[in-house]
Amino acid sequence: MNQARVAVFCSIAALQGCATSPDTSQMLGERFILTNLDTHPVQIVSVDGRSTTLRPVPVAPGLRRVVLRGPPGGAGVGELQAFSLEVAPCTRYYLVAVKANPLDTTFTPRVDHAMPLGSRCRSPG
């Protein structure tokens, strides 16, 4: 009886692995290049209207609408900023805020670095 339960559990786990897209990409709100003093980490609030707290955020390839919360400025509250990003398959994106002055609340979102996920991800085909 226990062997049957283990077999069913393993089958379900294997099927769940097949259900995920093999070309899923990731987004992180962290700096990759630490020497750029005008860049700051961000919080990824939502992707395509779906809020998330995952780190890294899994995303499907294609054009995505991303909402970021920037770092706090002089008022102590980070501003929300939306932008569009063309996501390539099997790629991790490091997103940052670019601020001219550390006390500003306004920022420009930017991809700090994009790197392939390598063997953990395979392109379809």
C-alpha atoms as a PDB file:
ATOM      1  CA  MET A   1       0.000   0.000   0.000  1.00  0.00           C
ATOM      2  CA  ASN A   2       2.816   2.441   0.862  1.00  0.00           C
ATOM      3  CA  GLN A   3       4.679   1.581  -2.346  1.00  0.00           C
ATOM      4  CA  ALA A   4       1.585   2.479  -4.357  1.00  0.00           C
ATOM      5  CA  ARG A   5       1.344   5.856  -2.608  1.00  0.00           C
ATOM      6  CA  VAL A   6       5.016   6.557  -3.287  1.00  0.00           C
ATOM      7  CA  ALA A   7       4.562   5.648  -6.958  1.00  0.00           C
ATOM      8  CA  VAL A   8       1.534   7.949  -7.286  1.00  0.00           C
ATOM      9  CA  PHE A   9       3.404  10.780  -5.559  1.00  0.00           C
ATOM     10  CA  CYS A  10       6.421  10.375  -7.859  1.00  0.00           C
ATOM     11  CA  SER A  11       4.159  10.323 -10.924  1.00  0.00           C
ATOM     12  CA  ILE A  12       2.438  13.540  -9.848  1.00  0.00           C
ATOM     13  CA  ALA A  13       5.784  15.230  -9.189  1.00  0.00           C
ATOM     14  CA  ALA A  14       7.065  14.181 -12.614  1.00  0.00           C
ATOM     15  CA  LEU A  15       3.934  15.486 -14.347  1.00  0.00           C
ATOM     16  CA  GLN A  16       4.212  18.825 -12.547  1.00  0.00           C
ATOM     17  CA  GLY A  17       7.742  19.172 -13.877  1.00  0.00           C
ATOM     18  CA  CYS A  18       6.441  18.641 -17.401  1.00  0.00           C
ATOM     19  CA  ALA A  19       3.702  21.230 -16.899  1.00  0.00           C
ATOM     20  CA  THR A  20       6.144  24.094 -16.483  1.00  0.00           C
ATOM     21  CA  SER A  21       7.344  25.882 -19.575  1.00  0.00           C
ATOM     22  CA  PRO A  22      10.880  24.853 -20.561  1.00  0.00           C
ATOM     23  CA  ASP A  23      11.751  28.371 -21.714  1.00  0.00           C
ATOM     24  CA  THR A  24      10.763  30.321 -18.588  1.00  0.00           C
ATOM     25  CA  SER A  25      12.861  33.396 -17.816  1.00  0.00           C
ATOM     26  CA  GLN A  26      13.462  35.184 -14.507  1.00  0.00           C
ATOM     27  CA  MET A  27      13.507  38.758 -13.186  1.00  0.00           C
ATOM     28  CA  LEU A  28      15.332  40.072 -10.138  1.00  0.00           C
ATOM     29  CA  GLY A  29      15.186  43.587  -8.718  1.00  0.00           C
ATOM     30  CA  GLU A  30      18.867  43.562  -7.785  1.00  0.00           C
ATOM     31  CA  ARG A  31      22.011  45.224  -9.045  1.00  0.00           C
ATOM     32  CA  PHE A  32      24.359  42.996 -11.033  1.00  0.00           C
ATOM     33  CA  ILE A  33      27.022  45.627 -11.686  1.00  0.00           C
ATOM     34  CA  LEU A  34      27.825  46.999  -8.240  1.00  0.00           C
ATOM     35  CA  THR A  35      30.175  49.760  -9.390  1.00  0.00           C
ATOM     36  CA  ASN A  36      27.411  51.908 -10.946  1.00  0.00           C
ATOM     37  CA  LEU A  37      26.698  54.368  -8.156  1.00  0.00           C
ATOM     38  CA  ASP A  38      23.580  55.812  -9.806  1.00  0.00           C
ATOM     39  CA  THR A  39      21.737  52.453  -9.828  1.00  0.00           C
ATOM     40  CA  HIS A  40      19.573  51.131  -7.003  1.00  0.00           C
ATOM     41  CA  PRO A  41      17.701  47.876  -6.351  1.00  0.00           C
ATOM     42  CA  VAL A  42      13.949  47.817  -6.997  1.00  0.00           C
ATOM     43  CA  GLN A  43      10.953  45.799  -5.890  1.00  0.00           C
ATOM     44  CA  ILE A  44       9.083  44.006  -8.677  1.00  0.00           C
ATOM     45  CA  VAL A  45       5.444  44.754  -7.820  1.00  0.00           C
ATOM     46  CA  SER A  46       3.688  43.071 -10.736  1.00  0.00           C
ATOM     47  CA  VAL A  47       4.211  41.502 -14.155  1.00  0.00           C
ATOM     48  CA  ASP A  48       1.357  41.776 -16.677  1.00  0.00           C
ATOM     49  CA  GLY A  49      -1.004  42.951 -13.925  1.00  0.00           C
ATOM     50  CA  ARG A  50      -0.312  40.011 -11.603  1.00  0.00           C
ATOM     51  CA  SER A  51       1.303  40.980  -8.325  1.00  0.00           C
ATOM     52  CA  THR A  52       4.139  38.848  -7.076  1.00  0.00           C
ATOM     53  CA  THR A  53       6.428  38.360  -4.103  1.00  0.00           C
ATOM     54  CA  LEU A  54       8.534  35.583  -5.646  1.00  0.00           C
ATOM     55  CA  ARG A  55      12.316  35.968  -5.954  1.00  0.00           C
ATOM     56  CA  PRO A  56      13.305  35.512  -8.702  1.00  0.00           C
ATOM     57  CA  VAL A  57      10.053  36.210 -10.541  1.00  0.00           C
ATOM     58  CA  PRO A  58       9.381  33.560 -13.219  1.00  0.00           C
ATOM     59  CA  VAL A  59       8.109  35.039 -16.494  1.00  0.00           C
ATOM     60  CA  ALA A  60       7.206  33.645 -19.892  1.00  0.00           C
ATOM     61  CA  PRO A  61       9.019  35.001 -22.947  1.00  0.00           C
ATOM     62  CA  GLY A  62       7.415  37.847 -24.872  1.00  0.00           C
ATOM     63  CA  LEU A  63       6.516  41.483 -24.291  1.00  0.00           C
ATOM     64  CA  ARG A  64       5.813  42.007 -20.573  1.00  0.00           C
ATOM     65  CA  ARG A  65       4.481  45.014 -18.664  1.00  0.00           C
ATOM     66  CA  VAL A  66       6.453  45.314 -15.421  1.00  0.00           C
ATOM     67  CA  VAL A  67       5.647  47.592 -12.472  1.00  0.00           C
ATOM     68  CA  LEU A  68       8.564  48.447 -10.179  1.00  0.00           C
ATOM     69  CA  ARG A  69       8.758  50.248  -6.836  1.00  0.00           C
ATOM     70  CA  GLY A  70      11.877  52.331  -6.718  1.00  0.00           C
ATOM     71  CA  PRO A  71      14.065  53.095  -3.737  1.00  0.00           C
ATOM     72  CA  PRO A  72      12.873  55.692  -1.257  1.00  0.00           C
ATOM     73  CA  GLY A  73      13.990  59.250  -1.805  1.00  0.00           C
ATOM     74  CA  GLY A  74      13.932  62.237   0.513  1.00  0.00           C
ATOM     75  CA  ALA A  75      10.240  61.639   1.343  1.00  0.00           C
ATOM     76  CA  GLY A  76      10.930  58.054   2.383  1.00  0.00           C
ATOM     77  CA  VAL A  77       8.517  56.471  -0.106  1.00  0.00           C
ATOM     78  CA  GLY A  78       9.485  54.738  -3.339  1.00  0.00           C
ATOM     79  CA  GLU A  79       7.674  55.691  -6.548  1.00  0.00           C
ATOM     80  CA  LEU A  80       5.880  53.167  -8.769  1.00  0.00           C
ATOM     81  CA  GLN A  81       7.040  53.047 -12.374  1.00  0.00           C
ATOM     82  CA  ALA A  82       5.718  50.845 -15.201  1.00  0.00           C
ATOM     83  CA  PHE A  83       7.641  49.892 -18.306  1.00  0.00           C
ATOM     84  CA  SER A  84       7.575  47.280 -21.063  1.00  0.00           C
ATOM     85  CA  LEU A  85      10.282  44.666 -21.477  1.00  0.00           C
ATOM     86  CA  GLU A  86      10.771  42.174 -24.306  1.00  0.00           C
ATOM     87  CA  VAL A  87      11.687  38.990 -22.437  1.00  0.00           C
ATOM     88  CA  ALA A  88      13.838  36.429 -24.257  1.00  0.00           C
ATOM     89  CA  PRO A  89      13.565  32.712 -23.425  1.00  0.00           C
ATOM     90  CA  CYS A  90      15.843  31.243 -20.745  1.00  0.00           C
ATOM     91  CA  THR A  91      17.231  34.587 -19.570  1.00  0.00           C
ATOM     92  CA  ARG A  92      17.621  36.137 -16.109  1.00  0.00           C
ATOM     93  CA  TYR A  93      17.108  39.913 -15.998  1.00  0.00           C
ATOM     94  CA  TYR A  94      18.542  42.146 -13.274  1.00  0.00           C
ATOM     95  CA  LEU A  95      16.330  45.256 -13.062  1.00  0.00           C
ATOM     96  CA  VAL A  96      17.463  48.480 -11.383  1.00  0.00           C
ATOM     97  CA  ALA A  97      16.410  52.064 -10.849  1.00  0.00           C
ATOM     98  CA  VAL A  98      18.629  54.823 -12.222  1.00  0.00           C
ATOM     99  CA  LYS A  99      18.475  58.039 -10.164  1.00  0.00           C
ATOM    100  CA  ALA A 100      20.331  61.278 -10.833  1.00  0.00           C
ATOM    101  CA  ASN A 101      20.223  62.229  -7.159  1.00  0.00           C
ATOM    102  CA  PRO A 102      19.879  59.814  -4.201  1.00  0.00           C
ATOM    103  CA  LEU A 103      17.218  62.086  -2.649  1.00  0.00           C
ATOM    104  CA  ASP A 104      14.971  61.984  -5.744  1.00  0.00           C
ATOM    105  CA  THR A 105      11.958  59.707  -5.728  1.00  0.00           C
ATOM    106  CA  THR A 106      11.746  59.635  -9.528  1.00  0.00           C
ATOM    107  CA  PHE A 107      13.789  57.036 -11.368  1.00  0.00           C
ATOM    108  CA  THR A 108      14.251  55.421 -14.752  1.00  0.00           C
ATOM    109  CA  PRO A 109      13.947  51.611 -14.900  1.00  0.00           C
ATOM    110  CA  ARG A 110      16.747  49.795 -16.663  1.00  0.00           C
ATOM    111  CA  VAL A 111      17.998  46.261 -17.275  1.00  0.00           C
ATOM    112  CA  ASP A 112      21.327  46.181 -15.439  1.00  0.00           C
ATOM    113  CA  HIS A 113      22.298  42.816 -16.891  1.00  0.00           C
ATOM    114  CA  ALA A 114      20.744  39.940 -18.822  1.00  0.00           C
ATOM    115  CA  MET A 115      22.325  36.498 -18.567  1.00  0.00           C
ATOM    116  CA  PRO A 116      21.397  33.092 -20.011  1.00  0.00           C
ATOM    117  CA  LEU A 117      20.125  30.537 -17.523  1.00  0.00           C
ATOM    118  CA  GLY A 118      22.258  27.796 -19.062  1.00  0.00           C
ATOM    119  CA  SER A 119      21.616  24.114 -18.510  1.00  0.00           C
ATOM    120  CA  ARG A 120      18.750  24.683 -16.050  1.00  0.00           C
ATOM    121  CA  CYS A 121      16.642  25.923 -18.941  1.00  0.00           C
ATOM    122  CA  ARG A 122      16.286  24.639 -22.444  1.00  0.00           C
ATOM    123  CA  SER A 123      14.937  26.475 -25.439  1.00  0.00           C
ATOM    124  CA  PRO A 124      11.965  24.847 -27.144  1.00  0.00           C
ATOM    125  CA  GLY A 125      12.621  22.981 -30.339  1.00  0.00           C
END
